Amino acid sequence: MEPVVKIDPSLLHTFPEIRLGCLCYEAQVEPPREDFWAHMDGEVIPAAQKMLQEKELADIPGIHCSREAYKAFGRSPSRYRVSSESLLRRIRQGNPLYRINSVVDVNNLISVECALSVGSYDLDNLSGPVTLRVGQAGQGYEGIGKSFIDMEKMLLLSDDLGIFGSPTSDSHRAMIGEGSRRILTVIYCFSNDLPLEQILARAQSQFETYTKVEHIRHWIVT
């Protein structure tokens, strides 16, 4: 059964081009796979490096629209970078990407290819509908591998238990570990000019190729 994912309608008055690309599936989460990293090191990262030689980060459509969305809600995109920009900055600087597990690694592959932030969440640690909304004063959490992140005016995901994810960094509560089975992956898209359905179809294919998934399906939330 697909989780309920929605966008707070008030967000669209401020930034009308918000869409969420969602994938839901059952997975057997494994340690990093050699075939996946051969693909990353042999094809994906070299292609990203070539693109980064030809374009400034701010000129890449996925990053540009994400930065504009952050500005629209009052957060500095240079201080609170979207995760896709952080990944591409690592590649540009010649730093290796983190090797986490089969699902999170594919999550990051998708983000590198489309330059949009992508988050994957353990559905067994979520409760009720998932809503994209703006953070309120005093809200925040410790991001994965990060210190406390102030979520005021930040675009974030919440459920009945509170806030748990954002285009910048996700919390520990719904992070994907080797015990995760039911998973929701969200692609944060902030431009109608980007081919989100095509991005989702490719993302589904990547999960099917490089992870052990079943019953995978995708849809777009507007």
N, C-alpha and C. Protein backbone atom coordinates (compact mmCIF):
# COMPACT_ATOMS: atom_id res chain seq x y z
N MET A 1 0.84 -1.20 0.00
CA MET A 1 0.00 0.00 0.00
C MET A 1 0.88 1.25 0.00
N GLU A 2 0.60 2.16 -0.93
CA GLU A 2 1.40 3.38 -1.04
C GLU A 2 1.13 4.30 0.14
N PRO A 3 2.15 4.94 0.67
CA PRO A 3 1.94 5.94 1.72
C PRO A 3 1.26 7.17 1.13
N VAL A 4 0.57 7.91 1.97
CA VAL A 4 -0.02 9.18 1.55
C VAL A 4 1.08 10.24 1.63
N VAL A 5 1.37 10.88 0.50
CA VAL A 5 2.36 11.95 0.44
C VAL A 5 1.68 13.17 -0.15
N LYS A 6 1.82 14.31 0.50
CA LYS A 6 1.15 15.51 0.02
C LYS A 6 2.02 16.74 0.25
N ILE A 7 1.64 17.82 -0.42
CA ILE A 7 2.32 19.10 -0.30
C ILE A 7 1.36 20.08 0.37
N ASP A 8 1.80 20.76 1.41
CA ASP A 8 0.99 21.79 2.05
C ASP A 8 0.60 22.81 0.98
N PRO A 9 -0.70 23.00 0.73
CA PRO A 9 -1.12 23.90 -0.35
C PRO A 9 -0.59 25.33 -0.21
N SER A 10 -0.33 25.78 1.00
CA SER A 10 0.17 27.15 1.18
C SER A 10 1.54 27.34 0.55
N LEU A 11 2.32 26.26 0.40
CA LEU A 11 3.64 26.38 -0.22
C LEU A 11 3.54 26.84 -1.67
N LEU A 12 2.48 26.39 -2.33
CA LEU A 12 2.35 26.68 -3.76
C LEU A 12 2.03 28.13 -4.03
N HIS A 13 1.52 28.85 -3.03
CA HIS A 13 1.30 30.28 -3.20
C HIS A 13 2.63 31.03 -3.25
N THR A 14 3.61 30.50 -2.53
CA THR A 14 4.94 31.13 -2.50
C THR A 14 5.81 30.65 -3.64
N PHE A 15 5.72 29.37 -3.96
CA PHE A 15 6.57 28.78 -5.01
C PHE A 15 5.75 27.73 -5.75
N PRO A 16 5.09 28.11 -6.85
CA PRO A 16 4.12 27.22 -7.50
C PRO A 16 4.70 25.97 -8.14
N GLU A 17 5.99 25.93 -8.38
CA GLU A 17 6.56 24.83 -9.16
C GLU A 17 7.09 23.67 -8.32
N ILE A 18 6.57 23.51 -7.11
CA ILE A 18 7.00 22.40 -6.27
C ILE A 18 6.30 21.12 -6.70
N ARG A 19 7.10 20.08 -6.91
CA ARG A 19 6.58 18.73 -7.15
C ARG A 19 7.45 17.74 -6.39
N LEU A 20 6.85 16.63 -6.01
CA LEU A 20 7.59 15.55 -5.37
C LEU A 20 7.48 14.30 -6.24
N GLY A 21 8.61 13.74 -6.60
CA GLY A 21 8.62 12.45 -7.28
C GLY A 21 8.80 11.36 -6.24
N CYS A 22 7.89 10.41 -6.19
CA CYS A 22 7.91 9.39 -5.13
C CYS A 22 8.08 7.99 -5.72
N LEU A 23 8.88 7.18 -5.04
CA LEU A 23 9.01 5.76 -5.34
C LEU A 23 8.79 4.99 -4.04
N CYS A 24 8.00 3.95 -4.09
CA CYS A 24 7.73 3.11 -2.93
C CYS A 24 8.06 1.67 -3.31
N TYR A 25 8.72 0.95 -2.43
CA TYR A 25 9.16 -0.40 -2.76
C TYR A 25 9.55 -1.16 -1.51
N GLU A 26 9.68 -2.46 -1.67
CA GLU A 26 10.23 -3.32 -0.63
C GLU A 26 11.65 -3.69 -1.07
N ALA A 27 12.58 -3.66 -0.13
CA ALA A 27 13.98 -3.88 -0.50
C ALA A 27 14.68 -4.78 0.50
N GLN A 28 15.70 -5.45 0.02
CA GLN A 28 16.67 -6.11 0.89
C GLN A 28 17.92 -5.24 0.84
N VAL A 29 18.16 -4.50 1.89
CA VAL A 29 19.28 -3.55 1.91
C VAL A 29 20.58 -4.31 2.15
N GLU A 30 21.53 -4.09 1.27
CA GLU A 30 22.81 -4.79 1.32
C GLU A 30 23.96 -3.82 1.53
N PRO A 31 25.14 -4.33 1.89
CA PRO A 31 26.34 -3.48 1.89
C PRO A 31 26.61 -2.96 0.49
N PRO A 32 27.47 -1.94 0.35
CA PRO A 32 27.78 -1.40 -0.98
C PRO A 32 28.18 -2.50 -1.96
N ARG A 33 27.65 -2.41 -3.19
CA ARG A 33 27.85 -3.46 -4.19
C ARG A 33 28.97 -3.09 -5.16
N GLU A 34 29.79 -4.08 -5.50
CA GLU A 34 30.91 -3.83 -6.40
C GLU A 34 30.44 -3.43 -7.80
N ASP A 35 29.38 -4.07 -8.30
CA ASP A 35 28.92 -3.72 -9.66
C ASP A 35 28.40 -2.29 -9.70
N PHE A 36 27.76 -1.86 -8.63
CA PHE A 36 27.26 -0.48 -8.58
C PHE A 36 28.42 0.49 -8.60
N TRP A 37 29.45 0.25 -7.78
CA TRP A 37 30.55 1.21 -7.69
C TRP A 37 31.44 1.17 -8.93
N ALA A 38 31.45 0.05 -9.63
CA ALA A 38 32.14 0.02 -10.92
C ALA A 38 31.42 0.95 -11.90
N HIS A 39 30.10 0.95 -11.87
CA HIS A 39 29.30 1.86 -12.71
C HIS A 39 29.52 3.31 -12.31
N MET A 40 29.51 3.57 -11.01
CA MET A 40 29.72 4.95 -10.53
C MET A 40 31.10 5.46 -10.94
N ASP A 41 32.14 4.68 -10.63
CA ASP A 41 33.51 5.13 -10.86
C ASP A 41 33.87 5.16 -12.34
N GLY A 42 33.24 4.27 -13.12
CA GLY A 42 33.59 4.18 -14.53
C GLY A 42 32.78 5.08 -15.44
N GLU A 43 31.53 5.43 -15.01
CA GLU A 43 30.65 6.17 -15.90
C GLU A 43 30.04 7.43 -15.25
N VAL A 44 29.40 7.25 -14.11
CA VAL A 44 28.62 8.35 -13.54
C VAL A 44 29.50 9.50 -13.06
N ILE A 45 30.50 9.20 -12.28
CA ILE A 45 31.36 10.27 -11.74
C ILE A 45 32.16 10.96 -12.85
N PRO A 46 32.76 10.22 -13.81
CA PRO A 46 33.42 10.92 -14.91
C PRO A 46 32.48 11.84 -15.70
N ALA A 47 31.24 11.40 -15.92
CA ALA A 47 30.28 12.25 -16.64
C ALA A 47 29.96 13.50 -15.83
N ALA A 48 29.82 13.34 -14.51
CA ALA A 48 29.56 14.51 -13.65
C ALA A 48 30.75 15.46 -13.65
N GLN A 49 31.95 14.91 -13.61
CA GLN A 49 33.15 15.75 -13.63
C GLN A 49 33.23 16.55 -14.92
N LYS A 50 32.89 15.93 -16.03
CA LYS A 50 32.91 16.64 -17.32
C LYS A 50 31.89 17.77 -17.34
N MET A 51 30.68 17.49 -16.83
CA MET A 51 29.65 18.52 -16.76
C MET A 51 30.11 19.69 -15.90
N LEU A 52 30.76 19.37 -14.78
CA LEU A 52 31.17 20.41 -13.84
C LEU A 52 32.32 21.26 -14.39
N GLN A 53 33.05 20.72 -15.37
CA GLN A 53 34.07 21.52 -16.04
C GLN A 53 33.44 22.53 -16.99
N GLU A 54 32.23 22.22 -17.46
CA GLU A 54 31.57 23.05 -18.46
C GLU A 54 30.55 24.01 -17.86
N LYS A 55 30.09 23.75 -16.64
CA LYS A 55 29.03 24.56 -16.03
C LYS A 55 29.37 24.94 -14.60
N GLU A 56 28.93 26.12 -14.21
CA GLU A 56 28.96 26.48 -12.80
C GLU A 56 27.82 25.75 -12.09
N LEU A 57 28.00 25.47 -10.80
CA LEU A 57 26.95 24.79 -10.05
C LEU A 57 25.62 25.53 -10.13
N ALA A 58 25.66 26.85 -10.04
CA ALA A 58 24.42 27.63 -10.05
C ALA A 58 23.69 27.57 -11.37
N ASP A 59 24.38 27.13 -12.44
CA ASP A 59 23.77 27.06 -13.75
C ASP A 59 23.18 25.69 -14.07
N ILE A 60 23.37 24.72 -13.19
CA ILE A 60 22.79 23.40 -13.38
C ILE A 60 21.32 23.48 -12.99
N PRO A 61 20.38 23.13 -13.88
CA PRO A 61 18.96 23.37 -13.63
C PRO A 61 18.45 22.84 -12.30
N GLY A 62 18.81 21.62 -11.92
CA GLY A 62 18.31 21.06 -10.67
C GLY A 62 18.77 21.84 -9.45
N ILE A 63 20.00 22.29 -9.47
CA ILE A 63 20.51 23.08 -8.35
C ILE A 63 19.95 24.48 -8.37
N HIS A 64 19.87 25.08 -9.56
CA HIS A 64 19.35 26.45 -9.67
C HIS A 64 17.93 26.55 -9.11
N CYS A 65 17.05 25.63 -9.50
CA CYS A 65 15.66 25.73 -9.04
C CYS A 65 15.56 25.44 -7.54
N SER A 66 16.40 24.56 -7.02
CA SER A 66 16.38 24.27 -5.59
C SER A 66 16.83 25.49 -4.79
N ARG A 67 17.86 26.16 -5.28
CA ARG A 67 18.32 27.38 -4.61
C ARG A 67 17.22 28.45 -4.62
N GLU A 68 16.53 28.58 -5.74
CA GLU A 68 15.47 29.58 -5.83
C GLU A 68 14.33 29.28 -4.86
N ALA A 69 14.02 28.01 -4.69
CA ALA A 69 12.97 27.63 -3.73
C ALA A 69 13.39 27.98 -2.31
N TYR A 70 14.63 27.70 -1.95
CA TYR A 70 15.11 28.05 -0.61
C TYR A 70 15.01 29.55 -0.37
N LYS A 71 15.44 30.34 -1.36
CA LYS A 71 15.37 31.80 -1.23
C LYS A 71 13.93 32.25 -1.03
N ALA A 72 12.99 31.64 -1.75
CA ALA A 72 11.59 32.05 -1.69
C ALA A 72 11.01 31.87 -0.29
N PHE A 73 11.51 30.89 0.46
CA PHE A 73 10.99 30.64 1.81
C PHE A 73 11.87 31.24 2.90
N GLY A 74 12.90 31.98 2.49
CA GLY A 74 13.66 32.75 3.47
C GLY A 74 14.89 32.08 4.03
N ARG A 75 15.39 31.01 3.38
CA ARG A 75 16.62 30.37 3.84
C ARG A 75 17.74 30.60 2.83
N SER A 76 18.95 30.72 3.31
CA SER A 76 20.11 30.95 2.45
C SER A 76 20.58 29.64 1.83
N PRO A 77 20.53 29.51 0.49
CA PRO A 77 20.97 28.26 -0.13
C PRO A 77 22.48 28.07 -0.09
N SER A 78 23.22 29.11 0.23
CA SER A 78 24.68 28.96 0.35
C SER A 78 25.05 28.46 1.75
N ARG A 79 24.23 28.80 2.75
CA ARG A 79 24.48 28.30 4.11
C ARG A 79 23.87 26.93 4.32
N TYR A 80 22.68 26.71 3.77
CA TYR A 80 21.98 25.42 3.89
C TYR A 80 21.87 24.82 2.49
N ARG A 81 22.94 24.17 2.05
CA ARG A 81 22.96 23.65 0.69
C ARG A 81 22.05 22.44 0.56
N VAL A 82 21.40 22.33 -0.59
CA VAL A 82 20.65 21.11 -0.87
C VAL A 82 21.65 19.97 -1.06
N SER A 83 21.21 18.77 -0.76
CA SER A 83 22.13 17.63 -0.73
C SER A 83 22.73 17.33 -2.09
N SER A 84 21.98 17.59 -3.18
CA SER A 84 22.53 17.34 -4.51
C SER A 84 23.72 18.25 -4.78
N GLU A 85 23.65 19.49 -4.34
CA GLU A 85 24.78 20.40 -4.51
C GLU A 85 25.97 19.92 -3.71
N SER A 86 25.73 19.44 -2.50
CA SER A 86 26.84 18.93 -1.68
C SER A 86 27.52 17.74 -2.36
N LEU A 87 26.73 16.84 -2.96
CA LEU A 87 27.31 15.69 -3.66
C LEU A 87 28.16 16.14 -4.85
N LEU A 88 27.63 17.08 -5.64
CA LEU A 88 28.36 17.53 -6.82
C LEU A 88 29.60 18.33 -6.43
N ARG A 89 29.54 19.04 -5.32
CA ARG A 89 30.73 19.74 -4.84
C ARG A 89 31.83 18.74 -4.46
N ARG A 90 31.46 17.64 -3.84
CA ARG A 90 32.45 16.61 -3.50
C ARG A 90 33.11 16.07 -4.77
N ILE A 91 32.30 15.83 -5.79
CA ILE A 91 32.84 15.31 -7.04
C ILE A 91 33.76 16.34 -7.69
N ARG A 92 33.35 17.59 -7.71
CA ARG A 92 34.18 18.65 -8.31
C ARG A 92 35.51 18.79 -7.58
N GLN A 93 35.50 18.61 -6.27
CA GLN A 93 36.72 18.74 -5.47
C GLN A 93 37.59 17.48 -5.52
N GLY A 94 37.09 16.43 -6.17
CA GLY A 94 37.86 15.20 -6.26
C GLY A 94 37.76 14.31 -5.05
N ASN A 95 36.79 14.58 -4.17
CA ASN A 95 36.61 13.76 -2.98
C ASN A 95 35.68 12.59 -3.29
N PRO A 96 35.95 11.40 -2.74
CA PRO A 96 35.08 10.25 -3.02
C PRO A 96 33.71 10.41 -2.36
N LEU A 97 32.70 9.83 -2.98
CA LEU A 97 31.38 9.81 -2.37
C LEU A 97 31.35 8.73 -1.29
N TYR A 98 30.50 8.94 -0.30
CA TYR A 98 30.37 7.96 0.77
C TYR A 98 29.73 6.68 0.24
N ARG A 99 30.21 5.55 0.72
CA ARG A 99 29.62 4.25 0.39
C ARG A 99 28.85 3.79 1.62
N ILE A 100 27.52 3.75 1.51
CA ILE A 100 26.67 3.51 2.68
C ILE A 100 26.03 2.12 2.62
N ASN A 101 25.09 1.94 1.75
CA ASN A 101 24.45 0.65 1.51
C ASN A 101 23.79 0.71 0.14
N SER A 102 23.24 -0.41 -0.30
CA SER A 102 22.77 -0.50 -1.69
C SER A 102 21.68 0.52 -2.01
N VAL A 103 20.78 0.81 -1.07
CA VAL A 103 19.68 1.74 -1.34
C VAL A 103 20.17 3.19 -1.29
N VAL A 104 20.89 3.55 -0.25
CA VAL A 104 21.37 4.93 -0.12
C VAL A 104 22.34 5.27 -1.25
N ASP A 105 23.15 4.31 -1.66
CA ASP A 105 24.08 4.57 -2.76
C ASP A 105 23.33 4.87 -4.06
N VAL A 106 22.27 4.12 -4.35
CA VAL A 106 21.47 4.41 -5.55
C VAL A 106 20.75 5.73 -5.39
N ASN A 107 20.26 6.01 -4.20
CA ASN A 107 19.65 7.30 -3.89
C ASN A 107 20.60 8.43 -4.33
N ASN A 108 21.88 8.32 -3.98
CA ASN A 108 22.85 9.35 -4.31
C ASN A 108 23.18 9.37 -5.81
N LEU A 109 23.19 8.21 -6.44
CA LEU A 109 23.37 8.16 -7.89
C LEU A 109 22.29 8.97 -8.60
N ILE A 110 21.04 8.77 -8.20
CA ILE A 110 19.93 9.50 -8.81
C ILE A 110 20.14 11.00 -8.64
N SER A 111 20.54 11.40 -7.44
CA SER A 111 20.74 12.81 -7.15
C SER A 111 21.86 13.41 -8.00
N VAL A 112 22.95 12.68 -8.17
CA VAL A 112 24.05 13.16 -8.99
C VAL A 112 23.61 13.34 -10.44
N GLU A 113 22.83 12.39 -10.95
CA GLU A 113 22.43 12.45 -12.35
C GLU A 113 21.43 13.56 -12.65
N CYS A 114 20.49 13.81 -11.74
CA CYS A 114 19.45 14.81 -12.02
C CYS A 114 19.70 16.13 -11.30
N ALA A 115 20.69 16.17 -10.40
CA ALA A 115 21.05 17.37 -9.62
C ALA A 115 19.92 17.85 -8.73
N LEU A 116 18.98 16.97 -8.40
CA LEU A 116 17.92 17.27 -7.44
C LEU A 116 18.20 16.49 -6.16
N SER A 117 17.75 17.04 -5.03
CA SER A 117 17.90 16.32 -3.77
C SER A 117 16.97 15.12 -3.74
N VAL A 118 17.49 14.03 -3.20
CA VAL A 118 16.73 12.78 -3.11
C VAL A 118 16.89 12.23 -1.70
N GLY A 119 15.78 11.85 -1.09
CA GLY A 119 15.81 11.26 0.25
C GLY A 119 15.10 9.93 0.27
N SER A 120 15.66 8.95 0.98
CA SER A 120 15.02 7.65 1.13
C SER A 120 14.72 7.41 2.61
N TYR A 121 13.51 6.90 2.89
CA TYR A 121 13.01 6.84 4.26
C TYR A 121 12.40 5.47 4.57
N ASP A 122 12.66 5.00 5.78
CA ASP A 122 12.14 3.72 6.26
C ASP A 122 10.68 3.92 6.68
N LEU A 123 9.77 3.35 5.93
CA LEU A 123 8.35 3.55 6.20
C LEU A 123 7.92 2.96 7.53
N ASP A 124 8.63 1.97 8.03
CA ASP A 124 8.26 1.39 9.32
C ASP A 124 8.57 2.32 10.48
N ASN A 125 9.32 3.38 10.23
CA ASN A 125 9.60 4.38 11.26
C ASN A 125 8.83 5.68 11.04
N LEU A 126 7.87 5.65 10.12
CA LEU A 126 7.00 6.80 9.88
C LEU A 126 5.58 6.44 10.31
N SER A 127 4.80 7.47 10.58
CA SER A 127 3.42 7.24 11.03
C SER A 127 2.51 8.29 10.40
N GLY A 128 1.49 7.83 9.69
CA GLY A 128 0.52 8.76 9.11
C GLY A 128 1.00 9.39 7.82
N PRO A 129 0.23 10.34 7.30
CA PRO A 129 0.58 10.98 6.03
C PRO A 129 1.92 11.71 6.12
N VAL A 130 2.62 11.74 5.01
CA VAL A 130 3.88 12.49 4.87
C VAL A 130 3.56 13.79 4.15
N THR A 131 3.96 14.91 4.75
CA THR A 131 3.62 16.22 4.20
C THR A 131 4.87 17.07 4.02
N LEU A 132 5.00 17.67 2.85
CA LEU A 132 6.04 18.68 2.65
C LEU A 132 5.49 20.01 3.12
N ARG A 133 6.18 20.65 4.06
CA ARG A 133 5.74 21.93 4.59
C ARG A 133 6.95 22.76 4.97
N VAL A 134 6.71 23.92 5.56
CA VAL A 134 7.79 24.80 6.01
C VAL A 134 7.97 24.64 7.51
N GLY A 135 9.22 24.59 7.95
CA GLY A 135 9.52 24.46 9.36
C GLY A 135 9.15 25.70 10.15
N GLN A 136 8.74 25.48 11.38
CA GLN A 136 8.35 26.56 12.27
C GLN A 136 9.49 26.91 13.24
N ALA A 137 9.37 28.05 13.89
CA ALA A 137 10.39 28.48 14.85
C ALA A 137 10.59 27.42 15.92
N GLY A 138 11.84 27.12 16.21
CA GLY A 138 12.17 26.14 17.23
C GLY A 138 12.27 24.72 16.75
N GLN A 139 11.87 24.44 15.51
CA GLN A 139 11.93 23.08 14.99
C GLN A 139 13.30 22.79 14.40
N GLY A 140 13.75 21.56 14.56
CA GLY A 140 15.02 21.15 13.99
C GLY A 140 15.36 19.74 14.42
N TYR A 141 16.46 19.23 13.91
CA TYR A 141 16.94 17.91 14.30
C TYR A 141 18.42 17.78 13.94
N GLU A 142 19.04 16.73 14.45
CA GLU A 142 20.41 16.42 14.06
C GLU A 142 20.36 15.65 12.75
N GLY A 143 20.98 16.22 11.70
CA GLY A 143 21.01 15.55 10.42
C GLY A 143 21.97 14.37 10.45
N ILE A 144 21.82 13.48 9.49
CA ILE A 144 22.71 12.32 9.39
C ILE A 144 24.11 12.82 9.08
N GLY A 145 25.04 12.57 9.99
CA GLY A 145 26.40 13.03 9.81
C GLY A 145 26.58 14.52 10.02
N LYS A 146 25.57 15.18 10.58
CA LYS A 146 25.63 16.62 10.79
C LYS A 146 25.22 16.96 12.22
N SER A 147 25.51 18.19 12.63
CA SER A 147 25.05 18.67 13.92
C SER A 147 23.60 19.14 13.78
N PHE A 148 23.08 19.76 14.82
CA PHE A 148 21.69 20.22 14.83
C PHE A 148 21.43 21.20 13.69
N ILE A 149 20.34 20.98 12.96
CA ILE A 149 19.96 21.85 11.86
C ILE A 149 18.69 22.60 12.25
N ASP A 150 18.76 23.91 12.24
CA ASP A 150 17.60 24.75 12.52
C ASP A 150 16.68 24.70 11.32
N MET A 151 15.45 24.22 11.50
CA MET A 151 14.53 24.00 10.39
C MET A 151 13.51 25.13 10.19
N GLU A 152 13.65 26.21 10.93
CA GLU A 152 12.73 27.32 10.72
C GLU A 152 12.85 27.83 9.28
N LYS A 153 11.72 27.98 8.60
CA LYS A 153 11.63 28.45 7.21
C LYS A 153 12.26 27.48 6.21
N MET A 154 12.55 26.27 6.65
CA MET A 154 13.14 25.25 5.77
C MET A 154 12.05 24.36 5.21
N LEU A 155 12.13 24.01 3.95
CA LEU A 155 11.23 23.01 3.39
C LEU A 155 11.58 21.66 4.00
N LEU A 156 10.58 20.96 4.50
CA LEU A 156 10.85 19.70 5.20
C LEU A 156 9.68 18.74 5.07
N LEU A 157 9.94 17.48 5.40
CA LEU A 157 8.91 16.46 5.46
C LEU A 157 8.56 16.19 6.91
N SER A 158 7.26 16.01 7.16
CA SER A 158 6.81 15.66 8.51
C SER A 158 5.74 14.59 8.43
N ASP A 159 5.56 13.88 9.54
CA ASP A 159 4.47 12.92 9.67
C ASP A 159 3.81 13.15 11.03
N ASP A 160 3.03 12.19 11.50
CA ASP A 160 2.33 12.38 12.78
C ASP A 160 3.29 12.45 13.97
N LEU A 161 4.52 11.99 13.79
CA LEU A 161 5.49 11.98 14.88
C LEU A 161 6.39 13.22 14.87
N GLY A 162 6.30 14.02 13.80
CA GLY A 162 7.14 15.21 13.73
C GLY A 162 7.91 15.29 12.43
N ILE A 163 8.95 16.12 12.42
CA ILE A 163 9.73 16.33 11.20
C ILE A 163 10.83 15.28 11.11
N PHE A 164 11.18 14.92 9.85
CA PHE A 164 12.18 13.84 9.71
C PHE A 164 13.06 13.98 8.48
N GLY A 165 12.73 14.85 7.54
CA GLY A 165 13.53 14.92 6.32
C GLY A 165 13.47 16.28 5.67
N SER A 166 14.47 16.56 4.82
CA SER A 166 14.49 17.82 4.07
C SER A 166 15.42 17.67 2.88
N PRO A 167 15.36 18.60 1.92
CA PRO A 167 16.29 18.53 0.79
C PRO A 167 17.74 18.75 1.19
N THR A 168 18.00 19.24 2.39
CA THR A 168 19.38 19.47 2.83
C THR A 168 19.96 18.25 3.53
N SER A 169 19.27 17.73 4.52
CA SER A 169 19.77 16.59 5.29
C SER A 169 18.61 15.95 6.04
N ASP A 170 18.62 14.63 6.12
CA ASP A 170 17.55 13.91 6.81
C ASP A 170 17.93 13.61 8.25
N SER A 171 16.91 13.31 9.06
CA SER A 171 17.15 12.96 10.46
C SER A 171 17.48 11.48 10.57
N HIS A 172 17.84 11.08 11.79
CA HIS A 172 18.17 9.67 12.02
C HIS A 172 16.93 8.78 12.09
N ARG A 173 15.78 9.36 12.41
CA ARG A 173 14.60 8.53 12.70
C ARG A 173 14.22 7.60 11.57
N ALA A 174 14.21 8.08 10.35
CA ALA A 174 13.75 7.26 9.23
C ALA A 174 14.87 6.87 8.28
N MET A 175 16.12 6.96 8.74
CA MET A 175 17.25 6.65 7.86
C MET A 175 17.24 5.17 7.48
N ILE A 176 17.83 4.88 6.32
CA ILE A 176 17.84 3.52 5.80
C ILE A 176 19.04 2.76 6.34
N GLY A 177 18.73 1.63 6.99
CA GLY A 177 19.77 0.72 7.48
C GLY A 177 19.55 -0.66 6.89
N GLU A 178 20.41 -1.59 7.24
CA GLU A 178 20.30 -2.93 6.66
C GLU A 178 19.05 -3.67 7.13
N GLY A 179 18.38 -3.16 8.17
CA GLY A 179 17.13 -3.77 8.60
C GLY A 179 15.90 -3.18 7.95
N SER A 180 16.08 -2.14 7.15
CA SER A 180 14.94 -1.49 6.49
C SER A 180 14.37 -2.41 5.41
N ARG A 181 13.06 -2.41 5.28
CA ARG A 181 12.40 -3.25 4.28
C ARG A 181 11.44 -2.45 3.40
N ARG A 182 10.58 -1.66 4.02
CA ARG A 182 9.59 -0.87 3.26
C ARG A 182 10.11 0.56 3.16
N ILE A 183 10.30 1.02 1.92
CA ILE A 183 11.03 2.27 1.72
C ILE A 183 10.27 3.23 0.82
N LEU A 184 10.34 4.50 1.18
CA LEU A 184 9.83 5.60 0.36
C LEU A 184 11.01 6.45 -0.05
N THR A 185 11.17 6.67 -1.35
CA THR A 185 12.20 7.58 -1.87
C THR A 185 11.50 8.79 -2.46
N VAL A 186 11.97 9.98 -2.09
CA VAL A 186 11.36 11.24 -2.53
C VAL A 186 12.39 12.06 -3.31
N ILE A 187 12.02 12.49 -4.50
CA ILE A 187 12.84 13.40 -5.30
C ILE A 187 12.20 14.78 -5.19
N TYR A 188 12.97 15.74 -4.65
CA TYR A 188 12.46 17.09 -4.43
C TYR A 188 12.69 17.92 -5.69
N CYS A 189 11.61 18.27 -6.38
CA CYS A 189 11.72 18.98 -7.66
C CYS A 189 11.05 20.36 -7.54
N PHE A 190 11.76 21.39 -8.02
CA PHE A 190 11.27 22.76 -7.88
C PHE A 190 11.23 23.50 -9.22
N SER A 191 11.01 22.75 -10.30
CA SER A 191 10.87 23.37 -11.61
C SER A 191 9.99 22.51 -12.50
N ASN A 192 9.00 23.14 -13.13
CA ASN A 192 8.15 22.41 -14.07
C ASN A 192 8.86 22.10 -15.37
N ASP A 193 10.02 22.71 -15.60
CA ASP A 193 10.76 22.46 -16.83
C ASP A 193 11.56 21.16 -16.77
N LEU A 194 11.75 20.60 -15.58
CA LEU A 194 12.49 19.36 -15.46
C LEU A 194 11.58 18.16 -15.72
N PRO A 195 12.05 17.15 -16.46
CA PRO A 195 11.21 16.00 -16.84
C PRO A 195 11.10 15.00 -15.69
N LEU A 196 10.27 15.32 -14.71
CA LEU A 196 10.23 14.52 -13.49
C LEU A 196 9.78 13.09 -13.75
N GLU A 197 8.82 12.88 -14.63
CA GLU A 197 8.38 11.51 -14.93
C GLU A 197 9.53 10.70 -15.51
N GLN A 198 10.30 11.30 -16.39
CA GLN A 198 11.45 10.62 -16.97
C GLN A 198 12.51 10.33 -15.90
N ILE A 199 12.72 11.28 -15.01
CA ILE A 199 13.68 11.09 -13.92
C ILE A 199 13.22 9.93 -13.03
N LEU A 200 11.93 9.87 -12.73
CA LEU A 200 11.40 8.80 -11.89
C LEU A 200 11.54 7.44 -12.56
N ALA A 201 11.26 7.38 -13.85
CA ALA A 201 11.38 6.11 -14.57
C ALA A 201 12.82 5.62 -14.56
N ARG A 202 13.76 6.53 -14.74
CA ARG A 202 15.18 6.14 -14.69
C ARG A 202 15.56 5.72 -13.27
N ALA A 203 15.05 6.45 -12.28
CA ALA A 203 15.34 6.09 -10.89
C ALA A 203 14.83 4.67 -10.59
N GLN A 204 13.62 4.36 -11.03
CA GLN A 204 13.09 3.01 -10.81
C GLN A 204 13.99 1.97 -11.46
N SER A 205 14.45 2.26 -12.68
CA SER A 205 15.34 1.33 -13.37
C SER A 205 16.65 1.14 -12.61
N GLN A 206 17.18 2.22 -12.04
CA GLN A 206 18.43 2.12 -11.29
C GLN A 206 18.24 1.26 -10.03
N PHE A 207 17.14 1.45 -9.33
CA PHE A 207 16.88 0.61 -8.16
C PHE A 207 16.73 -0.85 -8.55
N GLU A 208 16.04 -1.10 -9.66
CA GLU A 208 15.84 -2.49 -10.10
C GLU A 208 17.15 -3.14 -10.52
N THR A 209 18.09 -2.34 -11.03
CA THR A 209 19.37 -2.87 -11.49
C THR A 209 20.33 -3.12 -10.35
N TYR A 210 20.38 -2.20 -9.39
CA TYR A 210 21.46 -2.22 -8.40
C TYR A 210 21.01 -2.53 -6.97
N THR A 211 19.72 -2.79 -6.76
CA THR A 211 19.26 -3.21 -5.44
C THR A 211 18.28 -4.37 -5.59
N LYS A 212 18.08 -5.09 -4.51
CA LYS A 212 17.08 -6.16 -4.52
C LYS A 212 15.75 -5.56 -4.08
N VAL A 213 14.93 -5.15 -5.06
CA VAL A 213 13.65 -4.51 -4.75
C VAL A 213 12.50 -5.33 -5.34
N GLU A 214 11.35 -5.18 -4.72
CA GLU A 214 10.12 -5.79 -5.20
C GLU A 214 8.99 -4.77 -5.10
N HIS A 215 7.99 -4.96 -5.94
CA HIS A 215 6.76 -4.17 -5.89
C HIS A 215 7.04 -2.66 -5.98
N ILE A 216 8.00 -2.28 -6.80
CA ILE A 216 8.35 -0.86 -6.90
C ILE A 216 7.38 -0.14 -7.82
N ARG A 217 6.96 1.04 -7.41
CA ARG A 217 6.09 1.87 -8.25
C ARG A 217 6.44 3.32 -7.96
N HIS A 218 6.07 4.19 -8.90
CA HIS A 218 6.39 5.61 -8.71
C HIS A 218 5.21 6.48 -9.13
N TRP A 219 5.18 7.70 -8.59
CA TRP A 219 4.13 8.65 -8.89
C TRP A 219 4.61 10.06 -8.56
N ILE A 220 3.88 11.05 -9.02
CA ILE A 220 4.24 12.45 -8.81
C ILE A 220 3.18 13.12 -7.94
N VAL A 221 3.61 13.87 -6.95
CA VAL A 221 2.72 14.63 -6.08
C VAL A 221 2.84 16.10 -6.46
N THR A 222 1.69 16.75 -6.70
CA THR A 222 1.70 18.18 -7.05
C THR A 222 0.81 18.96 -6.08
